[in-house]
Amino acid sequence: MRNIFLSITRPLSLPHWWQDVLLAVPRIYMGVLMSFYFGSSKFGLPWSPAEKNLGFFEVAFWFPGDVAEYGGVFALAPAFLAWMAAFSEAVGGLFLIIGFQTRLFSFLIACTMVVAAFVQHGGHELWQQLPATGFLWVSLFTMVLGSGRIGLDFIISKKISHV
């Protein structure tokens, strides 16, 4: 079990510290945008806008309806899928900022961004797809590389490896 946890958690370390800093910048910036801008307007967190009137971990009332309109599998469980998407943006963004379970939350965000870019905004102008595709690309490279040295994943995996 420890080996599975380590394989998911242990980030790749680049040869020089400044490379890890460069790796951390888009991850942290994406996390801030996801958690404090996009996610907090759909998911109840302490910093969610007051006018949204969201309870803690509550999804905005309109979001499951939007998800159901995508049809197919989305119409089968819109409340659950809306909650997962909002959670991955709001909480996943926060975890990306601190570099905790970076690969797991990058995967959740990538799934959400595939739907946002190609289902929600599919058929619209490219400019409407651009934010979601940008987040998708960043989440793909953080899914592969992890947090680098600038994150809790590095500290945790280093401690567990030496136990």
N, C-alpha and C. Protein backbone atom coordinates (compact mmCIF):
# COMPACT_ATOMS: atom_id res chain seq x y z
N MET A 1 0.82 -1.20 0.00
CA MET A 1 0.00 0.00 0.00
C MET A 1 0.87 1.26 0.00
N ARG A 2 1.96 1.21 0.77
CA ARG A 2 2.87 2.34 0.84
C ARG A 2 3.49 2.63 -0.52
N ASN A 3 3.82 1.57 -1.27
CA ASN A 3 4.42 1.76 -2.59
C ASN A 3 3.44 2.41 -3.57
N ILE A 4 2.17 2.04 -3.47
CA ILE A 4 1.15 2.66 -4.34
C ILE A 4 1.02 4.13 -4.01
N PHE A 5 0.92 4.44 -2.70
CA PHE A 5 0.82 5.84 -2.27
C PHE A 5 2.02 6.64 -2.76
N LEU A 6 3.22 6.08 -2.60
CA LEU A 6 4.43 6.78 -3.04
C LEU A 6 4.46 6.98 -4.55
N SER A 7 4.01 5.99 -5.31
CA SER A 7 4.05 6.12 -6.77
C SER A 7 3.10 7.22 -7.25
N ILE A 8 2.01 7.43 -6.53
CA ILE A 8 1.08 8.50 -6.90
C ILE A 8 1.57 9.84 -6.39
N THR A 9 2.19 9.84 -5.22
CA THR A 9 2.57 11.09 -4.55
C THR A 9 3.93 11.62 -4.96
N ARG A 10 4.93 10.77 -5.09
CA ARG A 10 6.30 11.21 -5.33
C ARG A 10 6.41 11.97 -6.66
N PRO A 11 6.77 13.24 -6.59
CA PRO A 11 6.92 14.01 -7.83
C PRO A 11 8.28 13.75 -8.48
N LEU A 12 8.37 14.07 -9.73
CA LEU A 12 9.66 14.03 -10.40
C LEU A 12 10.40 15.30 -10.02
N SER A 13 11.68 15.16 -9.70
CA SER A 13 12.50 16.33 -9.38
C SER A 13 13.38 16.61 -10.59
N LEU A 14 13.36 17.83 -11.00
CA LEU A 14 14.20 18.23 -12.12
C LEU A 14 15.63 18.47 -11.62
N PRO A 15 16.61 18.49 -12.52
CA PRO A 15 18.01 18.57 -12.09
C PRO A 15 18.36 19.82 -11.27
N HIS A 16 17.71 20.94 -11.52
CA HIS A 16 18.06 22.19 -10.85
C HIS A 16 16.83 22.75 -10.14
N TRP A 17 17.03 23.40 -8.99
CA TRP A 17 15.92 23.93 -8.20
C TRP A 17 15.11 24.96 -8.97
N TRP A 18 15.79 25.77 -9.82
CA TRP A 18 15.07 26.81 -10.54
C TRP A 18 14.09 26.21 -11.56
N GLN A 19 14.38 24.99 -12.03
CA GLN A 19 13.45 24.31 -12.93
C GLN A 19 12.18 23.90 -12.19
N ASP A 20 12.34 23.48 -10.94
CA ASP A 20 11.17 23.15 -10.12
C ASP A 20 10.35 24.39 -9.81
N VAL A 21 11.02 25.52 -9.64
CA VAL A 21 10.30 26.78 -9.41
C VAL A 21 9.48 27.13 -10.66
N LEU A 22 10.09 27.00 -11.84
CA LEU A 22 9.36 27.27 -13.08
C LEU A 22 8.19 26.32 -13.27
N LEU A 23 8.35 25.08 -12.84
CA LEU A 23 7.27 24.11 -12.90
C LEU A 23 6.14 24.50 -11.96
N ALA A 24 6.48 25.06 -10.80
CA ALA A 24 5.48 25.40 -9.80
C ALA A 24 4.63 26.62 -10.20
N VAL A 25 5.18 27.54 -10.96
CA VAL A 25 4.45 28.78 -11.28
C VAL A 25 3.11 28.51 -11.98
N PRO A 26 3.06 27.79 -13.09
CA PRO A 26 1.75 27.56 -13.71
C PRO A 26 0.82 26.71 -12.84
N ARG A 27 1.36 25.76 -12.07
CA ARG A 27 0.54 24.95 -11.18
C ARG A 27 -0.12 25.81 -10.11
N ILE A 28 0.65 26.67 -9.49
CA ILE A 28 0.11 27.53 -8.43
C ILE A 28 -0.86 28.55 -9.00
N TYR A 29 -0.51 29.14 -10.13
CA TYR A 29 -1.40 30.13 -10.76
C TYR A 29 -2.73 29.49 -11.16
N MET A 30 -2.66 28.30 -11.76
CA MET A 30 -3.89 27.59 -12.12
C MET A 30 -4.70 27.27 -10.87
N GLY A 31 -4.03 26.85 -9.80
CA GLY A 31 -4.72 26.56 -8.55
C GLY A 31 -5.45 27.76 -7.99
N VAL A 32 -4.80 28.91 -8.04
CA VAL A 32 -5.44 30.14 -7.55
C VAL A 32 -6.67 30.47 -8.39
N LEU A 33 -6.54 30.44 -9.70
CA LEU A 33 -7.69 30.72 -10.57
C LEU A 33 -8.81 29.71 -10.36
N MET A 34 -8.45 28.44 -10.28
CA MET A 34 -9.46 27.39 -10.11
C MET A 34 -10.20 27.55 -8.78
N SER A 35 -9.45 27.70 -7.71
CA SER A 35 -10.07 27.69 -6.38
C SER A 35 -10.76 29.00 -6.03
N PHE A 36 -10.13 30.11 -6.35
CA PHE A 36 -10.65 31.39 -5.89
C PHE A 36 -11.50 32.12 -6.91
N TYR A 37 -11.49 31.68 -8.16
CA TYR A 37 -12.30 32.36 -9.17
C TYR A 37 -13.35 31.44 -9.77
N PHE A 38 -12.93 30.41 -10.48
CA PHE A 38 -13.89 29.54 -11.17
C PHE A 38 -14.65 28.63 -10.21
N GLY A 39 -13.95 27.91 -9.35
CA GLY A 39 -14.58 26.95 -8.46
C GLY A 39 -15.44 27.57 -7.38
N SER A 40 -14.97 28.67 -6.80
CA SER A 40 -15.69 29.27 -5.67
C SER A 40 -17.03 29.88 -6.07
N SER A 41 -17.24 30.12 -7.35
CA SER A 41 -18.54 30.64 -7.79
C SER A 41 -19.57 29.52 -7.96
N LYS A 42 -19.09 28.26 -7.98
CA LYS A 42 -19.98 27.11 -8.15
C LYS A 42 -20.05 26.23 -6.91
N PHE A 43 -19.11 26.38 -5.99
CA PHE A 43 -18.95 25.45 -4.88
C PHE A 43 -18.72 26.24 -3.59
N GLY A 44 -19.47 25.90 -2.56
CA GLY A 44 -19.40 26.64 -1.31
C GLY A 44 -18.12 26.43 -0.53
N LEU A 45 -17.34 27.48 -0.46
CA LEU A 45 -16.11 27.51 0.34
C LEU A 45 -16.12 28.82 1.13
N PRO A 46 -15.29 28.94 2.16
CA PRO A 46 -15.30 30.18 2.94
C PRO A 46 -15.09 31.46 2.11
N TRP A 47 -14.41 31.37 0.98
CA TRP A 47 -14.14 32.54 0.15
C TRP A 47 -15.10 32.65 -1.05
N SER A 48 -16.12 31.83 -1.09
CA SER A 48 -17.11 31.95 -2.18
C SER A 48 -17.82 33.29 -2.07
N PRO A 49 -18.15 33.90 -3.20
CA PRO A 49 -18.83 35.19 -3.16
C PRO A 49 -20.13 35.11 -2.36
N ALA A 50 -20.34 36.07 -1.49
CA ALA A 50 -21.52 36.07 -0.61
C ALA A 50 -22.82 36.06 -1.41
N GLU A 51 -22.83 36.73 -2.56
CA GLU A 51 -24.06 36.81 -3.37
C GLU A 51 -24.46 35.46 -3.97
N LYS A 52 -23.53 34.49 -3.97
CA LYS A 52 -23.85 33.15 -4.47
C LYS A 52 -24.66 32.35 -3.43
N ASN A 53 -24.57 32.78 -2.16
CA ASN A 53 -25.36 32.18 -1.08
C ASN A 53 -25.18 30.66 -1.01
N LEU A 54 -23.93 30.22 -1.02
CA LEU A 54 -23.61 28.80 -1.01
C LEU A 54 -23.19 28.35 0.39
N GLY A 55 -23.76 27.25 0.85
CA GLY A 55 -23.29 26.63 2.08
C GLY A 55 -21.99 25.90 1.82
N PHE A 56 -21.33 25.48 2.89
CA PHE A 56 -20.04 24.80 2.77
C PHE A 56 -20.19 23.51 1.96
N PHE A 57 -19.40 23.37 0.90
CA PHE A 57 -19.40 22.23 -0.02
C PHE A 57 -20.73 22.07 -0.77
N GLU A 58 -21.48 23.13 -0.89
CA GLU A 58 -22.74 23.09 -1.63
C GLU A 58 -22.50 23.55 -3.06
N VAL A 59 -23.16 22.91 -4.01
CA VAL A 59 -23.03 23.26 -5.41
C VAL A 59 -24.09 24.31 -5.75
N ALA A 60 -23.73 25.26 -6.60
CA ALA A 60 -24.69 26.28 -7.04
C ALA A 60 -25.92 25.61 -7.64
N PHE A 61 -27.07 26.14 -7.35
CA PHE A 61 -28.34 25.52 -7.75
C PHE A 61 -28.47 25.31 -9.25
N TRP A 62 -27.86 26.15 -10.05
CA TRP A 62 -28.01 26.10 -11.50
C TRP A 62 -27.08 25.08 -12.16
N PHE A 63 -26.01 24.68 -11.46
CA PHE A 63 -24.97 23.87 -12.10
C PHE A 63 -25.44 22.46 -12.50
N PRO A 64 -26.16 21.71 -11.66
CA PRO A 64 -26.63 20.39 -12.11
C PRO A 64 -27.52 20.46 -13.35
N GLY A 65 -28.33 21.50 -13.46
CA GLY A 65 -29.17 21.68 -14.66
C GLY A 65 -28.33 21.86 -15.91
N ASP A 66 -27.26 22.66 -15.78
CA ASP A 66 -26.35 22.83 -16.92
C ASP A 66 -25.71 21.51 -17.32
N VAL A 67 -25.28 20.75 -16.33
CA VAL A 67 -24.63 19.45 -16.60
C VAL A 67 -25.62 18.51 -17.28
N ALA A 68 -26.86 18.48 -16.83
CA ALA A 68 -27.88 17.58 -17.41
C ALA A 68 -28.13 17.91 -18.88
N GLU A 69 -28.01 19.17 -19.25
CA GLU A 69 -28.25 19.59 -20.64
C GLU A 69 -27.22 19.03 -21.61
N TYR A 70 -26.07 18.58 -21.12
CA TYR A 70 -25.07 17.98 -22.00
C TYR A 70 -25.57 16.66 -22.58
N GLY A 71 -26.56 16.05 -21.91
CA GLY A 71 -27.14 14.80 -22.40
C GLY A 71 -26.26 13.60 -22.10
N GLY A 72 -26.66 12.47 -22.64
CA GLY A 72 -25.89 11.23 -22.47
C GLY A 72 -25.66 10.87 -21.03
N VAL A 73 -24.44 10.49 -20.71
CA VAL A 73 -24.10 10.08 -19.36
C VAL A 73 -24.30 11.22 -18.35
N PHE A 74 -24.19 12.45 -18.81
CA PHE A 74 -24.34 13.60 -17.93
C PHE A 74 -25.77 13.73 -17.41
N ALA A 75 -26.74 13.29 -18.19
CA ALA A 75 -28.14 13.35 -17.78
C ALA A 75 -28.48 12.26 -16.76
N LEU A 76 -27.65 11.23 -16.65
CA LEU A 76 -27.92 10.14 -15.71
C LEU A 76 -27.68 10.53 -14.25
N ALA A 77 -26.64 11.32 -14.01
CA ALA A 77 -26.29 11.71 -12.63
C ALA A 77 -25.79 13.16 -12.61
N PRO A 78 -26.62 14.11 -12.99
CA PRO A 78 -26.14 15.49 -13.09
C PRO A 78 -25.71 16.10 -11.75
N ALA A 79 -26.42 15.78 -10.67
CA ALA A 79 -26.06 16.35 -9.36
C ALA A 79 -24.69 15.86 -8.92
N PHE A 80 -24.43 14.56 -9.07
CA PHE A 80 -23.14 14.00 -8.68
C PHE A 80 -22.02 14.56 -9.56
N LEU A 81 -22.23 14.58 -10.86
CA LEU A 81 -21.19 15.07 -11.78
C LEU A 81 -20.92 16.57 -11.58
N ALA A 82 -21.97 17.33 -11.30
CA ALA A 82 -21.79 18.76 -11.02
C ALA A 82 -20.99 18.94 -9.73
N TRP A 83 -21.31 18.14 -8.70
CA TRP A 83 -20.58 18.23 -7.45
C TRP A 83 -19.12 17.88 -7.66
N MET A 84 -18.85 16.80 -8.41
CA MET A 84 -17.47 16.39 -8.66
C MET A 84 -16.70 17.45 -9.45
N ALA A 85 -17.34 18.04 -10.45
CA ALA A 85 -16.67 19.07 -11.25
C ALA A 85 -16.36 20.29 -10.39
N ALA A 86 -17.34 20.74 -9.61
CA ALA A 86 -17.14 21.92 -8.76
C ALA A 86 -16.09 21.63 -7.68
N PHE A 87 -16.13 20.43 -7.10
CA PHE A 87 -15.14 20.02 -6.10
C PHE A 87 -13.74 20.00 -6.71
N SER A 88 -13.62 19.42 -7.90
CA SER A 88 -12.29 19.32 -8.51
C SER A 88 -11.72 20.70 -8.80
N GLU A 89 -12.56 21.65 -9.17
CA GLU A 89 -12.07 23.01 -9.43
C GLU A 89 -11.72 23.72 -8.13
N ALA A 90 -12.66 23.74 -7.18
CA ALA A 90 -12.48 24.53 -5.97
C ALA A 90 -11.47 23.92 -5.01
N VAL A 91 -11.66 22.68 -4.64
CA VAL A 91 -10.75 22.02 -3.70
C VAL A 91 -9.48 21.57 -4.41
N GLY A 92 -9.63 21.04 -5.63
CA GLY A 92 -8.45 20.64 -6.39
C GLY A 92 -7.51 21.80 -6.64
N GLY A 93 -8.06 22.96 -6.93
CA GLY A 93 -7.22 24.15 -7.11
C GLY A 93 -6.44 24.48 -5.86
N LEU A 94 -7.09 24.38 -4.73
CA LEU A 94 -6.43 24.65 -3.45
C LEU A 94 -5.30 23.65 -3.22
N PHE A 95 -5.54 22.37 -3.52
CA PHE A 95 -4.51 21.36 -3.33
C PHE A 95 -3.36 21.55 -4.32
N LEU A 96 -3.64 22.06 -5.51
CA LEU A 96 -2.55 22.34 -6.45
C LEU A 96 -1.67 23.48 -5.96
N ILE A 97 -2.27 24.47 -5.30
CA ILE A 97 -1.49 25.58 -4.77
C ILE A 97 -0.44 25.08 -3.79
N ILE A 98 -0.84 24.18 -2.89
CA ILE A 98 0.10 23.69 -1.88
C ILE A 98 0.87 22.45 -2.35
N GLY A 99 0.53 21.93 -3.52
CA GLY A 99 1.25 20.78 -4.07
C GLY A 99 0.98 19.50 -3.32
N PHE A 100 -0.27 19.29 -2.91
CA PHE A 100 -0.64 18.08 -2.18
C PHE A 100 -1.52 17.20 -3.05
N GLN A 101 -1.10 15.94 -3.22
CA GLN A 101 -1.79 14.98 -4.10
C GLN A 101 -2.00 15.60 -5.49
N THR A 102 -0.94 16.16 -6.00
CA THR A 102 -0.96 16.90 -7.26
C THR A 102 -1.44 16.05 -8.43
N ARG A 103 -0.97 14.83 -8.53
CA ARG A 103 -1.38 13.98 -9.66
C ARG A 103 -2.86 13.64 -9.60
N LEU A 104 -3.36 13.29 -8.42
CA LEU A 104 -4.77 12.95 -8.27
C LEU A 104 -5.67 14.13 -8.65
N PHE A 105 -5.39 15.29 -8.09
CA PHE A 105 -6.24 16.45 -8.39
C PHE A 105 -6.02 16.97 -9.81
N SER A 106 -4.84 16.78 -10.37
CA SER A 106 -4.63 17.14 -11.77
C SER A 106 -5.47 16.26 -12.68
N PHE A 107 -5.60 14.98 -12.32
CA PHE A 107 -6.46 14.07 -13.09
C PHE A 107 -7.92 14.53 -13.02
N LEU A 108 -8.40 14.85 -11.83
CA LEU A 108 -9.80 15.32 -11.69
C LEU A 108 -10.04 16.60 -12.47
N ILE A 109 -9.08 17.52 -12.39
CA ILE A 109 -9.22 18.79 -13.13
C ILE A 109 -9.16 18.53 -14.63
N ALA A 110 -8.29 17.63 -15.08
CA ALA A 110 -8.20 17.30 -16.51
C ALA A 110 -9.53 16.75 -17.01
N CYS A 111 -10.14 15.85 -16.25
CA CYS A 111 -11.46 15.31 -16.65
C CYS A 111 -12.49 16.42 -16.76
N THR A 112 -12.50 17.31 -15.78
CA THR A 112 -13.45 18.43 -15.79
C THR A 112 -13.19 19.35 -16.97
N MET A 113 -11.92 19.61 -17.28
CA MET A 113 -11.59 20.53 -18.36
C MET A 113 -11.85 19.93 -19.74
N VAL A 114 -11.73 18.61 -19.88
CA VAL A 114 -12.11 17.96 -21.15
C VAL A 114 -13.59 18.21 -21.42
N VAL A 115 -14.41 18.03 -20.39
CA VAL A 115 -15.85 18.27 -20.54
C VAL A 115 -16.11 19.75 -20.82
N ALA A 116 -15.45 20.63 -20.08
CA ALA A 116 -15.67 22.07 -20.27
C ALA A 116 -15.26 22.52 -21.68
N ALA A 117 -14.11 22.05 -22.14
CA ALA A 117 -13.60 22.51 -23.44
C ALA A 117 -14.36 21.91 -24.61
N PHE A 118 -14.65 20.60 -24.54
CA PHE A 118 -15.15 19.92 -25.73
C PHE A 118 -16.64 19.58 -25.68
N VAL A 119 -17.26 19.63 -24.50
CA VAL A 119 -18.69 19.38 -24.41
C VAL A 119 -19.43 20.69 -24.17
N GLN A 120 -19.05 21.38 -23.08
CA GLN A 120 -19.74 22.63 -22.75
C GLN A 120 -19.48 23.70 -23.82
N HIS A 121 -18.23 23.87 -24.21
CA HIS A 121 -17.89 24.91 -25.18
C HIS A 121 -17.63 24.36 -26.59
N GLY A 122 -17.84 23.07 -26.78
CA GLY A 122 -17.66 22.49 -28.11
C GLY A 122 -18.62 23.13 -29.10
N GLY A 123 -18.13 23.49 -30.23
CA GLY A 123 -18.97 24.13 -31.24
C GLY A 123 -19.00 25.65 -31.11
N HIS A 124 -18.48 26.18 -30.00
CA HIS A 124 -18.40 27.63 -29.84
C HIS A 124 -17.09 28.12 -30.45
N GLU A 125 -16.91 29.42 -30.41
CA GLU A 125 -15.65 29.97 -30.91
C GLU A 125 -14.48 29.46 -30.08
N LEU A 126 -13.32 29.41 -30.70
CA LEU A 126 -12.12 28.92 -30.04
C LEU A 126 -11.81 29.70 -28.77
N TRP A 127 -12.09 31.01 -28.76
CA TRP A 127 -11.79 31.82 -27.58
C TRP A 127 -12.57 31.37 -26.36
N GLN A 128 -13.74 30.79 -26.55
CA GLN A 128 -14.51 30.29 -25.40
C GLN A 128 -13.92 28.98 -24.87
N GLN A 129 -13.25 28.24 -25.72
CA GLN A 129 -12.61 26.99 -25.30
C GLN A 129 -11.24 27.22 -24.68
N LEU A 130 -10.65 28.36 -24.94
CA LEU A 130 -9.26 28.61 -24.55
C LEU A 130 -8.97 28.47 -23.05
N PRO A 131 -9.76 29.04 -22.14
CA PRO A 131 -9.43 28.85 -20.72
C PRO A 131 -9.43 27.38 -20.31
N ALA A 132 -10.44 26.64 -20.72
CA ALA A 132 -10.52 25.23 -20.33
C ALA A 132 -9.37 24.43 -20.95
N THR A 133 -9.02 24.70 -22.19
CA THR A 133 -7.91 23.95 -22.80
C THR A 133 -6.58 24.33 -22.15
N GLY A 134 -6.41 25.58 -21.75
CA GLY A 134 -5.20 25.98 -21.04
C GLY A 134 -5.07 25.25 -19.72
N PHE A 135 -6.16 25.18 -18.95
CA PHE A 135 -6.15 24.43 -17.69
C PHE A 135 -5.92 22.95 -17.95
N LEU A 136 -6.46 22.44 -19.04
CA LEU A 136 -6.26 21.04 -19.39
C LEU A 136 -4.78 20.75 -19.62
N TRP A 137 -4.10 21.60 -20.38
CA TRP A 137 -2.67 21.37 -20.66
C TRP A 137 -1.84 21.42 -19.39
N VAL A 138 -2.10 22.40 -18.53
CA VAL A 138 -1.34 22.49 -17.29
C VAL A 138 -1.60 21.27 -16.41
N SER A 139 -2.86 20.85 -16.34
CA SER A 139 -3.17 19.68 -15.51
C SER A 139 -2.53 18.41 -16.07
N LEU A 140 -2.39 18.31 -17.40
CA LEU A 140 -1.73 17.14 -17.97
C LEU A 140 -0.25 17.08 -17.60
N PHE A 141 0.44 18.22 -17.66
CA PHE A 141 1.86 18.12 -17.32
C PHE A 141 2.07 17.98 -15.82
N THR A 142 1.18 18.52 -14.98
CA THR A 142 1.33 18.29 -13.54
C THR A 142 0.90 16.87 -13.15
N MET A 143 0.03 16.27 -13.95
CA MET A 143 -0.34 14.88 -13.70
C MET A 143 0.88 13.97 -13.92
N VAL A 144 1.69 14.30 -14.89
CA VAL A 144 2.88 13.49 -15.18
C VAL A 144 4.02 13.83 -14.23
N LEU A 145 4.29 15.11 -14.03
CA LEU A 145 5.47 15.51 -13.25
C LEU A 145 5.22 15.61 -11.75
N GLY A 146 3.97 15.79 -11.33
CA GLY A 146 3.69 16.01 -9.92
C GLY A 146 4.02 17.44 -9.54
N SER A 147 4.24 17.65 -8.25
CA SER A 147 4.46 19.02 -7.76
C SER A 147 5.89 19.51 -7.92
N GLY A 148 6.81 18.63 -8.23
CA GLY A 148 8.21 19.02 -8.20
C GLY A 148 8.64 19.20 -6.75
N ARG A 149 9.76 19.89 -6.54
CA ARG A 149 10.25 20.09 -5.17
C ARG A 149 9.45 21.14 -4.41
N ILE A 150 8.65 21.94 -5.13
CA ILE A 150 7.91 23.02 -4.50
C ILE A 150 6.49 22.54 -4.21
N GLY A 151 6.35 21.73 -3.19
CA GLY A 151 5.03 21.22 -2.83
C GLY A 151 5.10 20.21 -1.70
N LEU A 152 3.97 20.00 -1.06
CA LEU A 152 3.91 19.04 0.05
C LEU A 152 4.18 17.61 -0.40
N ASP A 153 3.83 17.28 -1.63
CA ASP A 153 4.08 15.93 -2.12
C ASP A 153 5.56 15.55 -1.99
N PHE A 154 6.44 16.48 -2.30
CA PHE A 154 7.88 16.23 -2.23
C PHE A 154 8.30 15.95 -0.78
N ILE A 155 7.81 16.78 0.14
CA ILE A 155 8.15 16.62 1.56
C ILE A 155 7.60 15.30 2.10
N ILE A 156 6.35 15.02 1.81
CA ILE A 156 5.72 13.78 2.30
C ILE A 156 6.41 12.54 1.75
N SER A 157 6.65 12.52 0.45
CA SER A 157 7.27 11.33 -0.13
C SER A 157 8.70 11.14 0.36
N LYS A 158 9.39 12.23 0.63
CA LYS A 158 10.75 12.14 1.15
C LYS A 158 10.72 11.55 2.58
N LYS A 159 9.78 11.98 3.40
CA LYS A 159 9.65 11.45 4.78
C LYS A 159 9.26 9.98 4.76
N ILE A 160 8.30 9.61 3.91
CA ILE A 160 7.85 8.22 3.85
C ILE A 160 8.95 7.31 3.32
N SER A 161 9.71 7.79 2.37
CA SER A 161 10.80 6.98 1.79
C SER A 161 11.87 6.65 2.82
N HIS A 162 12.08 7.53 3.78
CA HIS A 162 13.14 7.34 4.78
C HIS A 162 12.66 6.61 6.03
N VAL A 163 11.37 6.24 6.06
CA VAL A 163 10.84 5.53 7.24
C VAL A 163 11.16 4.06 7.15
